[in-house]
Amino acid sequence: MNTTLKKPQDVNTAAVVSVGLIGGWLTARETGIRPLGLVPLGSALGWAGRSWLAKRDWKVCALLSALYIGAFGASHPLAKKIGAWPSVLTVTGSVAAAAYALSDSQ
Protein backbone atom coordinates (compact mmCIF):
# COMPACT_ATOMS: atom_id res chain seq x y z
CA MET A 1 0.00 0.00 0.00
CA ASN A 2 1.33 3.39 -1.01
CA THR A 3 0.90 6.06 1.66
CA THR A 4 2.60 8.96 -0.07
CA LEU A 5 0.60 12.04 -0.97
CA LYS A 6 0.00 12.91 -4.58
CA LYS A 7 2.04 15.87 -5.80
CA PRO A 8 -0.04 19.07 -5.58
CA GLN A 9 0.48 19.69 -9.31
CA ASP A 10 -1.20 16.35 -10.10
CA VAL A 11 -4.39 16.91 -8.09
CA ASN A 12 -7.65 17.50 -10.00
CA THR A 13 -8.99 20.33 -7.85
CA ALA A 14 -12.28 20.58 -9.74
CA ALA A 15 -13.10 17.07 -8.52
CA VAL A 16 -11.86 17.84 -5.00
CA VAL A 17 -14.07 20.91 -4.58
CA SER A 18 -17.03 18.96 -5.98
CA VAL A 19 -16.55 16.23 -3.39
CA GLY A 20 -16.13 18.85 -0.66
CA LEU A 21 -19.30 20.79 -1.42
CA ILE A 22 -21.54 17.81 -2.18
CA GLY A 23 -20.00 15.70 0.58
CA GLY A 24 -20.38 18.48 3.13
CA TRP A 25 -24.03 18.93 2.25
CA LEU A 26 -24.73 15.19 2.35
CA THR A 27 -22.89 14.74 5.63
CA ALA A 28 -24.90 17.51 7.28
CA ARG A 29 -28.17 16.25 5.84
CA GLU A 30 -27.71 12.57 6.61
CA THR A 31 -26.30 12.95 10.12
CA GLY A 32 -28.63 15.77 11.11
CA ILE A 33 -25.59 17.49 12.62
CA ARG A 34 -25.03 20.52 10.41
CA PRO A 35 -21.59 21.46 11.77
CA LEU A 36 -20.35 17.96 10.87
CA GLY A 37 -20.70 18.95 7.21
CA LEU A 38 -17.77 21.29 7.73
CA VAL A 39 -15.39 18.32 8.00
CA PRO A 40 -15.49 17.29 4.31
CA LEU A 41 -15.99 20.93 3.29
CA GLY A 42 -12.88 22.14 5.10
CA SER A 43 -10.78 19.10 4.22
CA ALA A 44 -11.46 19.58 0.53
CA LEU A 45 -10.61 23.27 0.75
CA GLY A 46 -7.29 22.46 2.41
CA TRP A 47 -6.43 19.81 -0.17
CA ALA A 48 -7.44 21.97 -3.14
CA GLY A 49 -5.78 25.07 -1.69
CA ARG A 50 -2.47 23.21 -1.43
CA SER A 51 -2.67 22.47 -5.13
CA TRP A 52 -3.83 25.95 -6.16
CA LEU A 53 -0.87 27.44 -4.36
CA ALA A 54 1.57 25.03 -6.01
CA LYS A 55 0.08 25.31 -9.51
CA ARG A 56 -0.48 29.06 -9.59
CA ASP A 57 0.14 31.62 -6.82
CA TRP A 58 -1.37 32.95 -3.62
CA LYS A 59 -3.70 35.33 -5.50
CA VAL A 60 -5.38 32.55 -7.47
CA CYS A 61 -5.47 30.41 -4.32
CA ALA A 62 -7.18 33.23 -2.41
CA LEU A 63 -9.66 33.87 -5.23
CA LEU A 64 -10.63 30.21 -5.60
CA SER A 65 -10.84 29.79 -1.82
CA ALA A 66 -13.16 32.80 -1.60
CA LEU A 67 -15.32 31.39 -4.43
CA TYR A 68 -15.51 28.02 -2.65
CA ILE A 69 -16.52 29.55 0.68
CA GLY A 70 -18.88 31.97 -1.06
CA ALA A 71 -20.54 29.12 -2.93
CA PHE A 72 -21.16 27.33 0.35
CA GLY A 73 -22.80 30.46 1.73
CA ALA A 74 -24.76 31.18 -1.46
CA SER A 75 -26.19 27.67 -1.62
CA HIS A 76 -28.37 28.28 1.43
CA PRO A 77 -30.48 31.18 0.15
CA LEU A 78 -30.46 29.67 -3.33
CA ALA A 79 -31.90 26.43 -1.92
CA LYS A 80 -34.95 28.34 -0.71
CA LYS A 81 -35.60 29.42 -4.30
CA ILE A 82 -34.75 26.35 -6.38
CA GLY A 83 -34.44 23.47 -3.89
CA ALA A 84 -31.56 21.85 -2.07
CA TRP A 85 -30.16 19.50 -4.72
CA PRO A 86 -30.36 22.02 -7.58
CA SER A 87 -28.71 24.63 -5.38
CA VAL A 88 -25.83 22.39 -4.33
CA LEU A 89 -25.27 21.21 -7.88
CA THR A 90 -25.38 24.77 -9.25
CA VAL A 91 -22.79 26.19 -6.86
CA THR A 92 -20.64 23.06 -7.12
CA GLY A 93 -20.61 23.27 -10.91
CA SER A 94 -19.65 26.93 -10.77
CA VAL A 95 -16.74 26.43 -8.39
CA ALA A 96 -15.54 23.30 -10.19
CA ALA A 97 -15.55 25.17 -13.50
CA ALA A 98 -13.57 28.04 -11.96
CA ALA A 99 -11.06 25.62 -10.41
CA TYR A 100 -10.60 23.91 -13.74
CA ALA A 101 -10.25 27.15 -15.70
CA LEU A 102 -7.94 28.94 -13.28
CA SER A 103 -5.83 26.04 -12.04
CA ASP A 104 -6.31 22.56 -13.43
CA SER A 105 -6.10 23.51 -17.12
CA GLN A 106 -2.84 25.44 -16.67
PDB file of N, CA and C in Angstrom:
ATOM      1  N   MET A   1       0.842  -1.176   0.000  1.00  0.00           N
ATOM      2  CA  MET A   1       0.000   0.000   0.000  1.00  0.00           C
ATOM      3  C   MET A   1       0.888   1.241   0.000  1.00  0.00           C
ATOM      4  N   ASN A   2       0.579   2.150  -0.893  1.00  0.00           N
ATOM      5  CA  ASN A   2       1.327   3.386  -1.010  1.00  0.00           C
ATOM      6  C   ASN A   2       0.686   4.452  -0.125  1.00  0.00           C
ATOM      7  N   THR A   3       1.449   5.046   0.757  1.00  0.00           N
ATOM      8  CA  THR A   3       0.903   6.061   1.660  1.00  0.00           C
ATOM      9  C   THR A   3       1.465   7.455   1.411  1.00  0.00           C
ATOM     10  N   THR A   4       2.065   7.646   0.244  1.00  0.00           N
ATOM     11  CA  THR A   4       2.596   8.965  -0.067  1.00  0.00           C
ATOM     12  C   THR A   4       1.508   9.824  -0.707  1.00  0.00           C
ATOM     13  N   LEU A   5       1.570  11.117  -0.413  1.00  0.00           N
ATOM     14  CA  LEU A   5       0.596  12.041  -0.974  1.00  0.00           C
ATOM     15  C   LEU A   5       0.905  12.309  -2.437  1.00  0.00           C
ATOM     16  N   LYS A   6      -0.148  12.515  -3.184  1.00  0.00           N
ATOM     17  CA  LYS A   6       0.001  12.914  -4.583  1.00  0.00           C
ATOM     18  C   LYS A   6       0.623  14.304  -4.638  1.00  0.00           C
ATOM     19  N   LYS A   7       1.456  14.545  -5.631  1.00  0.00           N
ATOM     20  CA  LYS A   7       2.036  15.874  -5.798  1.00  0.00           C
ATOM     21  C   LYS A   7       0.919  16.889  -6.017  1.00  0.00           C
ATOM     22  N   PRO A   8       1.031  18.079  -5.439  1.00  0.00           N
ATOM     23  CA  PRO A   8      -0.036  19.072  -5.582  1.00  0.00           C
ATOM     24  C   PRO A   8      -0.340  19.413  -7.043  1.00  0.00           C
ATOM     25  N   GLN A   9       0.668  19.362  -7.905  1.00  0.00           N
ATOM     26  CA  GLN A   9       0.477  19.691  -9.310  1.00  0.00           C
ATOM     27  C   GLN A   9      -0.361  18.640 -10.041  1.00  0.00           C
ATOM     28  N   ASP A  10      -0.475  17.448  -9.455  1.00  0.00           N
ATOM     29  CA  ASP A  10      -1.204  16.354 -10.102  1.00  0.00           C
ATOM     30  C   ASP A  10      -2.640  16.195  -9.606  1.00  0.00           C
ATOM     31  N   VAL A  11      -3.063  17.032  -8.676  1.00  0.00           N
ATOM     32  CA  VAL A  11      -4.394  16.907  -8.095  1.00  0.00           C
ATOM     33  C   VAL A  11      -5.425  17.609  -8.980  1.00  0.00           C
ATOM     34  N   ASN A  12      -6.535  16.928  -9.246  1.00  0.00           N
ATOM     35  CA  ASN A  12      -7.651  17.498  -9.996  1.00  0.00           C
ATOM     36  C   ASN A  12      -8.526  18.256  -8.995  1.00  0.00           C
ATOM     37  N   THR A  13      -8.299  19.557  -8.885  1.00  0.00           N
ATOM     38  CA  THR A  13      -8.993  20.332  -7.852  1.00  0.00           C
ATOM     39  C   THR A  13     -10.470  20.535  -8.151  1.00  0.00           C
ATOM     40  N   ALA A  14     -10.860  20.469  -9.416  1.00  0.00           N
ATOM     41  CA  ALA A  14     -12.284  20.576  -9.740  1.00  0.00           C
ATOM     42  C   ALA A  14     -13.046  19.411  -9.095  1.00  0.00           C
ATOM     43  N   ALA A  15     -12.470  18.231  -9.147  1.00  0.00           N
ATOM     44  CA  ALA A  15     -13.099  17.067  -8.518  1.00  0.00           C
ATOM     45  C   ALA A  15     -13.079  17.191  -7.001  1.00  0.00           C
ATOM     46  N   VAL A  16     -11.988  17.699  -6.455  1.00  0.00           N
ATOM     47  CA  VAL A  16     -11.864  17.837  -5.002  1.00  0.00           C
ATOM     48  C   VAL A  16     -12.911  18.801  -4.452  1.00  0.00           C
ATOM     49  N   VAL A  17     -13.081  19.964  -5.095  1.00  0.00           N
ATOM     50  CA  VAL A  17     -14.071  20.914  -4.580  1.00  0.00           C
ATOM     51  C   VAL A  17     -15.489  20.376  -4.759  1.00  0.00           C
ATOM     52  N   SER A  18     -15.711  19.576  -5.793  1.00  0.00           N
ATOM     53  CA  SER A  18     -17.028  18.963  -5.981  1.00  0.00           C
ATOM     54  C   SER A  18     -17.342  17.998  -4.844  1.00  0.00           C
ATOM     55  N   VAL A  19     -16.365  17.178  -4.504  1.00  0.00           N
ATOM     56  CA  VAL A  19     -16.552  16.232  -3.394  1.00  0.00           C
ATOM     57  C   VAL A  19     -16.756  16.991  -2.078  1.00  0.00           C
ATOM     58  N   GLY A  20     -16.013  18.077  -1.889  1.00  0.00           N
ATOM     59  CA  GLY A  20     -16.133  18.848  -0.658  1.00  0.00           C
ATOM     60  C   GLY A  20     -17.499  19.473  -0.483  1.00  0.00           C
ATOM     61  N   LEU A  21     -18.008  20.118  -1.527  1.00  0.00           N
ATOM     62  CA  LEU A  21     -19.302  20.790  -1.425  1.00  0.00           C
ATOM     63  C   LEU A  21     -20.460  19.793  -1.336  1.00  0.00           C
ATOM     64  N   ILE A  22     -20.458  18.807  -2.218  1.00  0.00           N
ATOM     65  CA  ILE A  22     -21.536  17.813  -2.182  1.00  0.00           C
ATOM     66  C   ILE A  22     -21.418  16.936  -0.940  1.00  0.00           C
ATOM     67  N   GLY A  23     -20.197  16.534  -0.607  1.00  0.00           N
ATOM     68  CA  GLY A  23     -19.996  15.699   0.582  1.00  0.00           C
ATOM     69  C   GLY A  23     -20.341  16.416   1.869  1.00  0.00           C
ATOM     70  N   GLY A  24     -20.021  17.700   1.939  1.00  0.00           N
ATOM     71  CA  GLY A  24     -20.377  18.480   3.126  1.00  0.00           C
ATOM     72  C   GLY A  24     -21.874  18.582   3.297  1.00  0.00           C
ATOM     73  N   TRP A  25     -22.567  18.829   2.203  1.00  0.00           N
ATOM     74  CA  TRP A  25     -24.028  18.930   2.252  1.00  0.00           C
ATOM     75  C   TRP A  25     -24.650  17.590   2.645  1.00  0.00           C
ATOM     76  N   LEU A  26     -24.183  16.504   2.017  1.00  0.00           N
ATOM     77  CA  LEU A  26     -24.731  15.187   2.348  1.00  0.00           C
ATOM     78  C   LEU A  26     -24.435  14.779   3.790  1.00  0.00           C
ATOM     79  N   THR A  27     -23.238  15.070   4.251  1.00  0.00           N
ATOM     80  CA  THR A  27     -22.886  14.737   5.635  1.00  0.00           C
ATOM     81  C   THR A  27     -23.807  15.451   6.616  1.00  0.00           C
ATOM     82  N   ALA A  28     -24.017  16.732   6.396  1.00  0.00           N
ATOM     83  CA  ALA A  28     -24.896  17.506   7.280  1.00  0.00           C
ATOM     84  C   ALA A  28     -26.323  16.988   7.203  1.00  0.00           C
ATOM     85  N   ARG A  29     -26.786  16.703   6.013  1.00  0.00           N
ATOM     86  CA  ARG A  29     -28.171  16.246   5.842  1.00  0.00           C
ATOM     87  C   ARG A  29     -28.395  14.868   6.443  1.00  0.00           C
ATOM     88  N   GLU A  30     -27.500  13.948   6.174  1.00  0.00           N
ATOM     89  CA  GLU A  30     -27.706  12.572   6.612  1.00  0.00           C
ATOM     90  C   GLU A  30     -27.448  12.349   8.100  1.00  0.00           C
ATOM     91  N   THR A  31     -26.546  13.109   8.682  1.00  0.00           N
ATOM     92  CA  THR A  31     -26.300  12.951  10.119  1.00  0.00           C
ATOM     93  C   THR A  31     -27.262  13.782  10.951  1.00  0.00           C
ATOM     94  N   GLY A  32     -27.790  14.847  10.353  1.00  0.00           N
ATOM     95  CA  GLY A  32     -28.626  15.771  11.106  1.00  0.00           C
ATOM     96  C   GLY A  32     -27.810  16.723  11.971  1.00  0.00           C
ATOM     97  N   ILE A  33     -26.492  16.626  11.868  1.00  0.00           N
ATOM     98  CA  ILE A  33     -25.591  17.495  12.624  1.00  0.00           C
ATOM     99  C   ILE A  33     -24.930  18.430  11.618  1.00  0.00           C
ATOM    100  N   ARG A  34     -25.499  19.606  11.445  1.00  0.00           N
ATOM    101  CA  ARG A  34     -25.032  20.515  10.405  1.00  0.00           C
ATOM    102  C   ARG A  34     -23.551  20.858  10.501  1.00  0.00           C
ATOM    103  N   PRO A  35     -23.016  21.128  11.697  1.00  0.00           N
ATOM    104  CA  PRO A  35     -21.588  21.456  11.768  1.00  0.00           C
ATOM    105  C   PRO A  35     -20.674  20.315  11.297  1.00  0.00           C
ATOM    106  N   LEU A  36     -21.160  19.093  11.329  1.00  0.00           N
ATOM    107  CA  LEU A  36     -20.354  17.964  10.875  1.00  0.00           C
ATOM    108  C   LEU A  36     -20.078  18.050   9.368  1.00  0.00           C
ATOM    109  N   GLY A  37     -20.922  18.745   8.636  1.00  0.00           N
ATOM    110  CA  GLY A  37     -20.701  18.950   7.206  1.00  0.00           C
ATOM    111  C   GLY A  37     -19.461  19.770   6.909  1.00  0.00           C
ATOM    112  N   LEU A  38     -18.977  20.491   7.926  1.00  0.00           N
ATOM    113  CA  LEU A  38     -17.770  21.290   7.733  1.00  0.00           C
ATOM    114  C   LEU A  38     -16.514  20.436   7.621  1.00  0.00           C
ATOM    115  N   VAL A  39     -16.573  19.191   8.064  1.00  0.00           N
ATOM    116  CA  VAL A  39     -15.394  18.318   7.995  1.00  0.00           C
ATOM    117  C   VAL A  39     -15.003  18.050   6.542  1.00  0.00           C
ATOM    118  N   PRO A  40     -15.899  17.490   5.705  1.00  0.00           N
ATOM    119  CA  PRO A  40     -15.492  17.295   4.311  1.00  0.00           C
ATOM    120  C   PRO A  40     -15.303  18.626   3.573  1.00  0.00           C
ATOM    121  N   LEU A  41     -16.100  19.622   3.929  1.00  0.00           N
ATOM    122  CA  LEU A  41     -15.990  20.929   3.286  1.00  0.00           C
ATOM    123  C   LEU A  41     -14.611  21.543   3.527  1.00  0.00           C
ATOM    124  N   GLY A  42     -14.178  21.562   4.762  1.00  0.00           N
ATOM    125  CA  GLY A  42     -12.876  22.139   5.103  1.00  0.00           C
ATOM    126  C   GLY A  42     -11.709  21.300   4.621  1.00  0.00           C
ATOM    127  N   SER A  43     -11.858  19.991   4.693  1.00  0.00           N
ATOM    128  CA  SER A  43     -10.781  19.103   4.220  1.00  0.00           C
ATOM    129  C   SER A  43     -10.527  19.289   2.733  1.00  0.00           C
ATOM    130  N   ALA A  44     -11.604  19.387   1.972  1.00  0.00           N
ATOM    131  CA  ALA A  44     -11.461  19.576   0.528  1.00  0.00           C
ATOM    132  C   ALA A  44     -10.825  20.930   0.220  1.00  0.00           C
ATOM    133  N   LEU A  45     -11.199  21.949   0.969  1.00  0.00           N
ATOM    134  CA  LEU A  45     -10.611  23.267   0.752  1.00  0.00           C
ATOM    135  C   LEU A  45      -9.107  23.239   1.034  1.00  0.00           C
ATOM    136  N   GLY A  46      -8.713  22.576   2.092  1.00  0.00           N
ATOM    137  CA  GLY A  46      -7.289  22.461   2.409  1.00  0.00           C
ATOM    138  C   GLY A  46      -6.517  21.715   1.334  1.00  0.00           C
ATOM    139  N   TRP A  47      -7.094  20.625   0.853  1.00  0.00           N
ATOM    140  CA  TRP A  47      -6.433  19.813  -0.171  1.00  0.00           C
ATOM    141  C   TRP A  47      -6.350  20.570  -1.495  1.00  0.00           C
ATOM    142  N   ALA A  48      -7.441  21.209  -1.885  1.00  0.00           N
ATOM    143  CA  ALA A  48      -7.438  21.970  -3.137  1.00  0.00           C
ATOM    144  C   ALA A  48      -6.536  23.200  -3.024  1.00  0.00           C
ATOM    145  N   GLY A  49      -6.591  23.876  -1.887  1.00  0.00           N
ATOM    146  CA  GLY A  49      -5.779  25.070  -1.686  1.00  0.00           C
ATOM    147  C   GLY A  49      -4.295  24.784  -1.810  1.00  0.00           C
ATOM    148  N   ARG A  50      -3.880  23.640  -1.311  1.00  0.00           N
ATOM    149  CA  ARG A  50      -2.474  23.215  -1.427  1.00  0.00           C
ATOM    150  C   ARG A  50      -2.078  23.133  -2.900  1.00  0.00           C
ATOM    151  N   SER A  51      -2.953  22.611  -3.708  1.00  0.00           N
ATOM    152  CA  SER A  51      -2.669  22.473  -5.135  1.00  0.00           C
ATOM    153  C   SER A  51      -2.735  23.807  -5.863  1.00  0.00           C
ATOM    154  N   TRP A  52      -3.722  24.639  -5.516  1.00  0.00           N
ATOM    155  CA  TRP A  52      -3.827  25.946  -6.161  1.00  0.00           C
ATOM    156  C   TRP A  52      -2.565  26.768  -5.919  1.00  0.00           C
ATOM    157  N   LEU A  53      -2.080  26.687  -4.707  1.00  0.00           N
ATOM    158  CA  LEU A  53      -0.870  27.436  -4.363  1.00  0.00           C
ATOM    159  C   LEU A  53       0.343  26.925  -5.142  1.00  0.00           C
ATOM    160  N   ALA A  54       0.435  25.615  -5.292  1.00  0.00           N
ATOM    161  CA  ALA A  54       1.570  25.026  -6.013  1.00  0.00           C
ATOM    162  C   ALA A  54       1.473  25.249  -7.523  1.00  0.00           C
ATOM    163  N   LYS A  55       0.263  25.178  -8.062  1.00  0.00           N
ATOM    164  CA  LYS A  55       0.080  25.312  -9.506  1.00  0.00           C
ATOM    165  C   LYS A  55       0.138  26.761  -9.973  1.00  0.00           C
ATOM    166  N   ARG A  56      -0.393  27.657  -9.184  1.00  0.00           N
ATOM    167  CA  ARG A  56      -0.480  29.057  -9.593  1.00  0.00           C
ATOM    168  C   ARG A  56       0.257  29.927  -8.588  1.00  0.00           C
ATOM    169  N   ASP A  57      -0.473  30.755  -7.838  1.00  0.00           N
ATOM    170  CA  ASP A  57       0.139  31.617  -6.824  1.00  0.00           C
ATOM    171  C   ASP A  57      -0.889  31.910  -5.739  1.00  0.00           C
ATOM    172  N   TRP A  58      -0.492  32.700  -4.760  1.00  0.00           N
ATOM    173  CA  TRP A  58      -1.375  32.947  -3.622  1.00  0.00           C
ATOM    174  C   TRP A  58      -2.625  33.728  -4.026  1.00  0.00           C
ATOM    175  N   LYS A  59      -2.537  34.546  -5.079  1.00  0.00           N
ATOM    176  CA  LYS A  59      -3.704  35.326  -5.500  1.00  0.00           C
ATOM    177  C   LYS A  59      -4.800  34.426  -6.062  1.00  0.00           C
ATOM    178  N   VAL A  60      -4.413  33.490  -6.906  1.00  0.00           N
ATOM    179  CA  VAL A  60      -5.385  32.547  -7.466  1.00  0.00           C
ATOM    180  C   VAL A  60      -5.920  31.646  -6.355  1.00  0.00           C
ATOM    181  N   CYS A  61      -5.042  31.233  -5.459  1.00  0.00           N
ATOM    182  CA  CYS A  61      -5.466  30.415  -4.321  1.00  0.00           C
ATOM    183  C   CYS A  61      -6.493  31.165  -3.478  1.00  0.00           C
ATOM    184  N   ALA A  62      -6.243  32.424  -3.199  1.00  0.00           N
ATOM    185  CA  ALA A  62      -7.179  33.229  -2.409  1.00  0.00           C
ATOM    186  C   ALA A  62      -8.505  33.418  -3.139  1.00  0.00           C
ATOM    187  N   LEU A  63      -8.443  33.676  -4.439  1.00  0.00           N
ATOM    188  CA  LEU A  63      -9.659  33.869  -5.231  1.00  0.00           C
ATOM    189  C   LEU A  63     -10.508  32.604  -5.248  1.00  0.00           C
ATOM    190  N   LEU A  64      -9.885  31.467  -5.544  1.00  0.00           N
ATOM    191  CA  LEU A  64     -10.630  30.211  -5.599  1.00  0.00           C
ATOM    192  C   LEU A  64     -11.149  29.801  -4.224  1.00  0.00           C
ATOM    193  N   SER A  65     -10.380  30.072  -3.184  1.00  0.00           N
ATOM    194  CA  SER A  65     -10.841  29.787  -1.822  1.00  0.00           C
ATOM    195  C   SER A  65     -12.060  30.629  -1.477  1.00  0.00           C
ATOM    196  N   ALA A  66     -12.025  31.910  -1.857  1.00  0.00           N
ATOM    197  CA  ALA A  66     -13.164  32.799  -1.605  1.00  0.00           C
ATOM    198  C   ALA A  66     -14.395  32.345  -2.390  1.00  0.00           C
ATOM    199  N   LEU A  67     -14.193  31.906  -3.637  1.00  0.00           N
ATOM    200  CA  LEU A  67     -15.317  31.389  -4.429  1.00  0.00           C
ATOM    201  C   LEU A  67     -15.916  30.146  -3.782  1.00  0.00           C
ATOM    202  N   TYR A  68     -15.068  29.265  -3.298  1.00  0.00           N
ATOM    203  CA  TYR A  68     -15.512  28.025  -2.651  1.00  0.00           C
ATOM    204  C   TYR A  68     -16.335  28.332  -1.404  1.00  0.00           C
ATOM    205  N   ILE A  69     -15.811  29.189  -0.553  1.00  0.00           N
ATOM    206  CA  ILE A  69     -16.521  29.553   0.681  1.00  0.00           C
ATOM    207  C   ILE A  69     -17.789  30.327   0.346  1.00  0.00           C
ATOM    208  N   GLY A  70     -17.703  31.217  -0.634  1.00  0.00           N
ATOM    209  CA  GLY A  70     -18.878  31.974  -1.058  1.00  0.00           C
ATOM    210  C   GLY A  70     -19.967  31.077  -1.630  1.00  0.00           C
ATOM    211  N   ALA A  71     -19.570  30.060  -2.365  1.00  0.00           N
ATOM    212  CA  ALA A  71     -20.545  29.119  -2.928  1.00  0.00           C
ATOM    213  C   ALA A  71     -21.277  28.376  -1.817  1.00  0.00           C
ATOM    214  N   PHE A  72     -20.542  27.993  -0.799  1.00  0.00           N
ATOM    215  CA  PHE A  72     -21.161  27.333   0.351  1.00  0.00           C
ATOM    216  C   PHE A  72     -22.211  28.253   0.967  1.00  0.00           C
ATOM    217  N   GLY A  73     -21.852  29.508   1.160  1.00  0.00           N
ATOM    218  CA  GLY A  73     -22.798  30.462   1.732  1.00  0.00           C
ATOM    219  C   GLY A  73     -23.970  30.763   0.810  1.00  0.00           C
ATOM    220  N   ALA A  74     -23.706  30.849  -0.488  1.00  0.00           N
ATOM    221  CA  ALA A  74     -24.761  31.176  -1.461  1.00  0.00           C
ATOM    222  C   ALA A  74     -25.733  30.030  -1.665  1.00  0.00           C
ATOM    223  N   SER A  75     -25.307  28.815  -1.390  1.00  0.00           N
ATOM    224  CA  SER A  75     -26.193  27.672  -1.624  1.00  0.00           C
ATOM    225  C   SER A  75     -27.402  27.686  -0.688  1.00  0.00           C
ATOM    226  N   HIS A  76     -27.262  28.268   0.478  1.00  0.00           N
ATOM    227  CA  HIS A  76     -28.370  28.278   1.434  1.00  0.00           C
ATOM    228  C   HIS A  76     -29.540  29.137   0.971  1.00  0.00           C
ATOM    229  N   PRO A  77     -29.336  30.413   0.639  1.00  0.00           N
ATOM    230  CA  PRO A  77     -30.477  31.184   0.145  1.00  0.00           C
ATOM    231  C   PRO A  77     -30.967  30.692  -1.220  1.00  0.00           C
ATOM    232  N   LEU A  78     -30.056  30.188  -2.035  1.00  0.00           N
ATOM    233  CA  LEU A  78     -30.456  29.667  -3.332  1.00  0.00           C
ATOM    234  C   LEU A  78     -31.346  28.439  -3.178  1.00  0.00           C
ATOM    235  N   ALA A  79     -31.084  27.625  -2.165  1.00  0.00           N
ATOM    236  CA  ALA A  79     -31.896  26.427  -1.919  1.00  0.00           C
ATOM    237  C   ALA A  79     -33.348  26.776  -1.624  1.00  0.00           C
ATOM    238  N   LYS A  80     -33.577  27.919  -1.007  1.00  0.00           N
ATOM    239  CA  LYS A  80     -34.953  28.339  -0.715  1.00  0.00           C
ATOM    240  C   LYS A  80     -35.716  28.680  -1.989  1.00  0.00           C
ATOM    241  N   LYS A  81     -34.966  29.034  -3.032  1.00  0.00           N
ATOM    242  CA  LYS A  81     -35.602  29.417  -4.298  1.00  0.00           C
ATOM    243  C   LYS A  81     -35.747  28.254  -5.270  1.00  0.00           C
ATOM    244  N   ILE A  82     -34.721  27.410  -5.365  1.00  0.00           N
ATOM    245  CA  ILE A  82     -34.753  26.351  -6.383  1.00  0.00           C
ATOM    246  C   ILE A  82     -34.691  24.938  -5.805  1.00  0.00           C
ATOM    247  N   GLY A  83     -34.530  24.795  -4.513  1.00  0.00           N
ATOM    248  CA  GLY A  83     -34.438  23.474  -3.894  1.00  0.00           C
ATOM    249  C   GLY A  83     -33.004  23.130  -3.524  1.00  0.00           C
ATOM    250  N   ALA A  84     -32.882  22.192  -2.614  1.00  0.00           N
ATOM    251  CA  ALA A  84     -31.564  21.851  -2.071  1.00  0.00           C
ATOM    252  C   ALA A  84     -30.626  21.246  -3.111  1.00  0.00           C
ATOM    253  N   TRP A  85     -31.045  20.155  -3.752  1.00  0.00           N
ATOM    254  CA  TRP A  85     -30.159  19.505  -4.717  1.00  0.00           C
ATOM    255  C   TRP A  85     -29.784  20.431  -5.870  1.00  0.00           C
ATOM    256  N   PRO A  86     -30.758  21.110  -6.495  1.00  0.00           N
ATOM    257  CA  PRO A  86     -30.365  22.016  -7.583  1.00  0.00           C
ATOM    258  C   PRO A  86     -29.399  23.108  -7.119  1.00  0.00           C
ATOM    259  N   SER A  87     -29.590  23.600  -5.916  1.00  0.00           N
ATOM    260  CA  SER A  87     -28.714  24.634  -5.381  1.00  0.00           C
ATOM    261  C   SER A  87     -27.295  24.114  -5.204  1.00  0.00           C
ATOM    262  N   VAL A  88     -27.159  22.971  -4.570  1.00  0.00           N
ATOM    263  CA  VAL A  88     -25.835  22.389  -4.326  1.00  0.00           C
ATOM    264  C   VAL A  88     -25.137  22.081  -5.649  1.00  0.00           C
ATOM    265  N   LEU A  89     -25.870  21.540  -6.594  1.00  0.00           N
ATOM    266  CA  LEU A  89     -25.271  21.208  -7.883  1.00  0.00           C
ATOM    267  C   LEU A  89     -24.878  22.469  -8.671  1.00  0.00           C
ATOM    268  N   THR A  90     -25.679  23.521  -8.561  1.00  0.00           N
ATOM    269  CA  THR A  90     -25.375  24.771  -9.254  1.00  0.00           C
ATOM    270  C   THR A  90     -24.089  25.403  -8.734  1.00  0.00           C
ATOM    271  N   VAL A  91     -23.991  25.547  -7.412  1.00  0.00           N
ATOM    272  CA  VAL A  91     -22.790  26.190  -6.859  1.00  0.00           C
ATOM    273  C   VAL A  91     -21.565  25.298  -7.030  1.00  0.00           C
ATOM    274  N   THR A  92     -21.764  23.989  -6.932  1.00  0.00           N
ATOM    275  CA  THR A  92     -20.644  23.061  -7.122  1.00  0.00           C
ATOM    276  C   THR A  92     -20.121  23.139  -8.550  1.00  0.00           C
ATOM    277  N   GLY A  93     -21.024  23.159  -9.520  1.00  0.00           N
ATOM    278  CA  GLY A  93     -20.606  23.267 -10.914  1.00  0.00           C
ATOM    279  C   GLY A  93     -19.854  24.561 -11.190  1.00  0.00           C
ATOM    280  N   SER A  94     -20.308  25.633 -10.577  1.00  0.00           N
ATOM    281  CA  SER A  94     -19.655  26.935 -10.769  1.00  0.00           C
ATOM    282  C   SER A  94     -18.233  26.937 -10.220  1.00  0.00           C
ATOM    283  N   VAL A  95     -18.066  26.442  -9.009  1.00  0.00           N
ATOM    284  CA  VAL A  95     -16.740  26.432  -8.390  1.00  0.00           C
ATOM    285  C   VAL A  95     -15.816  25.435  -9.088  1.00  0.00           C
ATOM    286  N   ALA A  96     -16.359  24.286  -9.475  1.00  0.00           N
ATOM    287  CA  ALA A  96     -15.537  23.300 -10.188  1.00  0.00           C
ATOM    288  C   ALA A  96     -15.065  23.852 -11.536  1.00  0.00           C
ATOM    289  N   ALA A  97     -15.936  24.568 -12.218  1.00  0.00           N
ATOM    290  CA  ALA A  97     -15.547  25.174 -13.501  1.00  0.00           C
ATOM    291  C   ALA A  97     -14.457  26.224 -13.297  1.00  0.00           C
ATOM    292  N   ALA A  98     -14.595  27.021 -12.256  1.00  0.00           N
ATOM    293  CA  ALA A  98     -13.571  28.040 -11.960  1.00  0.00           C
ATOM    294  C   ALA A  98     -12.247  27.386 -11.595  1.00  0.00           C
ATOM    295  N   ALA A  99     -12.295  26.320 -10.788  1.00  0.00           N
ATOM    296  CA  ALA A  99     -11.061  25.616 -10.409  1.00  0.00           C
ATOM    297  C   ALA A  99     -10.380  25.018 -11.630  1.00  0.00           C
ATOM    298  N   TYR A 100     -11.179  24.474 -12.528  1.00  0.00           N
ATOM    299  CA  TYR A 100     -10.601  23.906 -13.740  1.00  0.00           C
ATOM    300  C   TYR A 100      -9.976  25.002 -14.605  1.00  0.00           C
ATOM    301  N   ALA A 101     -10.720  26.075 -14.812  1.00  0.00           N
ATOM    302  CA  ALA A 101     -10.247  27.151 -15.698  1.00  0.00           C
ATOM    303  C   ALA A 101      -9.023  27.868 -15.150  1.00  0.00           C
ATOM    304  N   LEU A 102      -9.016  28.140 -13.851  1.00  0.00           N
ATOM    305  CA  LEU A 102      -7.944  28.936 -13.275  1.00  0.00           C
ATOM    306  C   LEU A 102      -6.741  28.139 -12.774  1.00  0.00           C
ATOM    307  N   SER A 103      -6.924  26.828 -12.602  1.00  0.00           N
ATOM    308  CA  SER A 103      -5.832  26.043 -12.036  1.00  0.00           C
ATOM    309  C   SER A 103      -5.550  24.757 -12.795  1.00  0.00           C
ATOM    310  N   ASP A 104      -6.542  23.889 -12.897  1.00  0.00           N
ATOM    311  CA  ASP A 104      -6.308  22.556 -13.434  1.00  0.00           C
ATOM    312  C   ASP A 104      -5.879  22.561 -14.908  1.00  0.00           C
ATOM    313  N   SER A 105      -6.406  23.477 -15.682  1.00  0.00           N
ATOM    314  CA  SER A 105      -6.098  23.505 -17.121  1.00  0.00           C
ATOM    315  C   SER A 105      -4.753  24.143 -17.433  1.00  0.00           C
ATOM    316  N   GLN A 106      -4.107  24.733 -16.437  1.00  0.00           N
ATOM    317  CA  GLN A 106      -2.842  25.441 -16.674  1.00  0.00           C
ATOM    318  C   GLN A 106      -1.695  24.467 -16.849  1.00  0.00           C
TER     319      GLN A 106
END
